[in-house]
Protein backbone atom coordinates (compact mmCIF):
# COMPACT_ATOMS: atom_id res chain seq x y z
CA MET A 1 0.00 0.00 0.00
CA PRO A 2 1.25 3.55 -0.58
CA GLU A 3 1.22 4.20 3.19
CA ASP A 4 3.80 1.42 3.61
CA PHE A 5 6.25 3.67 1.76
CA LEU A 6 4.97 7.25 1.96
CA LEU A 7 4.41 9.53 4.94
CA ALA A 8 1.49 11.94 5.28
CA ASN A 9 3.98 14.88 5.21
CA GLY A 10 5.13 13.96 1.68
CA GLY A 11 8.24 12.15 2.87
CA GLN A 12 9.06 8.49 2.70
CA PHE A 13 10.06 5.53 4.81
CA VAL A 14 13.50 3.98 4.48
CA PHE A 15 13.95 0.43 5.74
CA PHE A 16 16.97 -0.77 7.70
CA GLU A 17 17.94 -3.99 9.39
CA LYS A 18 18.56 -3.89 13.13
CA ASP A 19 22.18 -5.10 12.85
CA ARG A 20 25.00 -2.59 12.45
CA LEU A 21 27.33 -2.90 9.49
CA ALA A 22 30.80 -4.34 9.71
CA PRO A 23 33.81 -1.96 9.79
CA ARG A 24 34.68 -0.07 6.64
CA ASP A 25 37.36 -2.53 5.47
CA ARG A 26 37.54 -2.38 1.68
CA GLU A 27 40.36 -4.90 1.39
CA HIS A 28 38.46 -7.99 2.56
CA GLY A 29 35.13 -9.67 1.93
CA SER A 30 32.97 -10.10 -1.12
CA ALA A 31 32.57 -7.42 -3.76
CA TYR A 32 29.24 -6.58 -2.17
CA ILE A 33 30.76 -6.07 1.31
CA ARG A 34 33.63 -4.01 -0.13
CA SER A 35 31.20 -1.85 -2.13
CA LEU A 36 29.18 -1.18 1.04
CA ALA A 37 32.40 -0.03 2.74
CA TYR A 38 33.20 2.15 -0.29
CA THR A 39 29.72 3.68 -0.22
CA GLN A 40 29.99 4.32 3.53
CA LYS A 41 33.22 6.24 2.98
CA ILE A 42 31.51 8.35 0.32
CA LEU A 43 28.65 9.05 2.74
CA ASP A 44 31.18 9.98 5.46
CA VAL A 45 32.73 12.57 3.11
CA LEU A 46 29.32 13.94 2.04
CA GLY A 47 28.12 14.20 5.65
CA GLY A 48 31.42 15.40 7.07
CA THR A 49 31.58 12.69 9.74
CA GLU A 50 31.82 8.93 10.17
CA VAL A 51 28.47 7.49 11.26
CA ASP A 52 27.51 3.99 12.40
CA ARG A 53 25.08 2.70 9.82
CA ARG A 54 22.80 -0.25 9.37
CA GLN A 55 22.27 -2.43 6.36
CA THR A 56 19.30 -1.53 4.20
CA CYS A 57 16.61 -4.17 3.98
CA HIS A 58 16.11 -6.12 0.78
CA VAL A 59 12.67 -4.60 0.22
CA PRO A 60 11.07 -2.49 -2.52
CA THR A 61 12.19 1.12 -2.33
CA LEU A 62 10.75 4.26 -3.82
CA PHE A 63 13.41 6.46 -5.38
CA ASP A 64 12.72 10.18 -5.60
CA VAL A 65 14.17 11.32 -8.92
CA GLY A 66 15.08 14.72 -7.43
CA VAL A 67 17.16 13.07 -4.71
CA LEU A 68 18.87 10.86 -7.31
CA ARG A 69 19.68 13.95 -9.39
CA ASP A 70 21.12 15.64 -6.29
CA LEU A 71 23.31 12.60 -5.62
CA GLU A 72 24.46 12.40 -9.22
CA SER A 73 25.39 16.10 -9.22
CA LEU A 74 27.39 15.59 -5.99
CA LEU A 75 29.09 12.40 -7.25
CA PRO A 76 29.32 12.64 -11.06
CA ASP A 77 32.49 10.53 -11.38
CA GLU A 78 31.16 7.74 -9.14
CA PHE A 79 27.84 7.61 -11.02
CA ALA A 80 29.66 7.53 -14.36
CA HIS A 81 31.93 4.74 -13.06
CA ASN A 82 28.92 2.72 -11.86
CA SER A 83 27.12 3.06 -15.17
CA ARG A 84 30.14 1.75 -17.10
CA LEU A 85 30.40 -1.52 -15.14
CA ARG A 86 28.50 -4.67 -16.07
CA PHE A 87 29.26 -6.54 -12.85
CA ARG A 88 29.49 -5.66 -9.18
CA SER A 89 32.94 -4.78 -7.87
CA GLY A 90 34.37 -3.47 -4.61
CA ASN A 91 34.71 0.14 -5.76
CA ILE A 92 31.18 0.95 -6.81
CA LEU A 93 28.33 2.76 -5.13
CA GLN A 94 25.56 0.63 -3.68
CA LEU A 95 22.77 2.91 -4.89
CA HIS A 96 20.02 1.61 -2.59
CA PHE A 97 22.30 1.93 0.45
CA LEU A 98 23.59 5.36 -0.66
CA TYR A 99 20.10 6.68 -1.37
CA SER A 100 18.58 5.50 1.93
CA HIS A 101 21.38 6.81 4.14
CA TYR A 102 21.78 10.07 2.20
CA LEU A 103 18.06 10.71 2.49
CA ARG A 104 18.11 9.95 6.23
CA GLU A 105 21.36 11.72 7.20
CA ILE A 106 22.36 14.42 4.74
CA SER A 107 19.62 15.48 2.36
CA SER A 108 17.62 18.66 2.89
CA ARG A 109 14.63 16.30 2.90
CA ALA A 110 15.93 14.35 5.93
CA HIS A 111 13.23 15.88 8.13
CA LEU A 112 10.65 14.26 5.82
CA THR A 113 12.17 10.80 6.18
CA ALA A 114 11.31 8.13 8.72
CA ALA A 115 13.42 5.04 9.33
CA GLN A 116 11.82 1.67 9.98
CA TYR A 117 14.03 -0.99 11.54
CA LEU A 118 12.82 -4.44 10.55
CA GLU A 119 13.60 -7.73 12.28
CA ARG A 120 14.63 -10.59 10.04
CA PRO A 121 12.75 -12.86 9.84
CA SER A 122 9.47 -11.37 11.01
CA ARG A 123 5.92 -10.79 9.87
CA GLU A 124 7.21 -7.62 8.23
CA TYR A 125 10.33 -8.86 6.44
CA CYS A 126 11.98 -12.09 5.40
CA LEU A 127 15.19 -12.55 3.42
CA ILE A 128 15.43 -16.07 2.03
CA ALA A 129 19.02 -16.89 1.10
CA LEU A 130 19.11 -19.90 -1.20
CA GLU A 131 21.70 -22.45 -0.16
CA PRO A 132 22.37 -26.14 -0.94
CA ASN A 133 20.88 -27.51 2.32
CA PRO A 134 17.34 -28.65 1.38
CA LEU A 135 16.12 -28.99 4.99
CA ARG A 136 17.05 -25.39 5.80
CA MET A 137 15.41 -24.28 2.56
CA ILE A 138 12.17 -26.10 3.43
CA LYS A 139 12.18 -24.40 6.84
CA ARG A 140 12.70 -20.94 5.29
CA PHE A 141 10.05 -21.47 2.63
CA LEU A 142 7.53 -22.74 5.20
CA TYR A 143 8.22 -19.74 7.44
CA ALA A 144 7.54 -17.31 4.58
CA PHE A 145 4.51 -19.27 3.41
CA TYR A 146 2.79 -19.34 6.80
CA LYS A 147 3.86 -15.92 8.15
CA ARG A 148 3.16 -14.08 4.89
CA PRO A 149 5.56 -11.20 5.59
CA LYS A 150 4.80 -7.86 4.02
CA PHE A 151 8.17 -8.00 2.23
CA PHE A 152 10.28 -10.97 1.30
CA CYS A 153 13.31 -11.32 -0.91
CA ILE A 154 14.83 -14.48 -2.34
CA ASN A 155 18.60 -14.12 -2.71
CA ASP A 156 20.75 -16.64 -4.55
CA HIS A 157 23.79 -17.65 -2.51
CA LEU A 158 24.38 -20.81 -4.53
CA SER A 159 27.67 -21.08 -6.36
CA GLU A 160 26.29 -24.03 -8.31
CA PRO A 161 22.63 -24.64 -9.14
CA SER A 162 21.04 -27.36 -7.04
CA ARG A 163 18.24 -29.31 -8.71
CA LEU A 164 16.53 -30.07 -5.41
CA VAL A 165 16.69 -26.48 -4.16
CA SER A 166 15.49 -25.25 -7.57
CA LEU A 167 12.57 -27.67 -7.35
CA LEU A 168 11.76 -26.50 -3.79
CA LEU A 169 11.89 -22.87 -4.94
CA LYS A 170 9.58 -23.57 -7.85
CA LEU A 171 7.16 -25.42 -5.55
CA PHE A 172 7.23 -22.57 -3.01
CA LEU A 173 6.59 -19.87 -5.62
CA SER A 174 3.82 -21.78 -7.39
CA THR A 175 2.10 -22.38 -4.04
CA TYR A 176 2.63 -18.85 -2.73
CA TYR A 177 1.48 -17.32 -6.01
CA PRO A 178 -1.03 -19.85 -7.42
CA HIS A 179 -2.34 -17.44 -10.08
CA PRO A 180 -0.16 -15.68 -12.65
CA SER A 181 -0.10 -11.91 -12.54
CA SER A 182 -1.76 -10.03 -15.38
CA PHE A 183 1.76 -8.96 -16.47
CA GLU A 184 3.00 -12.53 -17.00
CA LYS A 185 2.91 -14.27 -20.33
CA THR A 186 1.15 -17.61 -20.10
């Protein structure tokens, strides 16, 4: 619903996880972790101070085009660099993370922004990380199926496709969404 994202004052909600982020170490970790550290350093420069931040939730986000234009005008080289890359690397901006924290901490619209801190998993939010262990996958799918969280994200953490996990995923999705959307080709 619009009120899940928009405030009565014209502002918007940004969604964060309760856990704090790891230190800003850009030398170690996955490309994703390193890019979060890179983005945090950019935010520190923009805001003039180092701030403890939380991970953004893997949920739908509304992006205000005016805020994105502001960010691009402040960081033209970083935006150009991001747009040239086909794959994630450690020295790129994580746009969702940048946008949410900029809006909350630095933007002139910060007073119109409200943070929501979501537990994971909960009735509000569930992140389902696909992995090769079928029993854990069944447990995660059943949790999401019965709790029906407002937001859920399925993230692929598999280095190699697993036929059984793929089958479980297909079964979960076909049960959770028994009818195709009007946008799907049948």
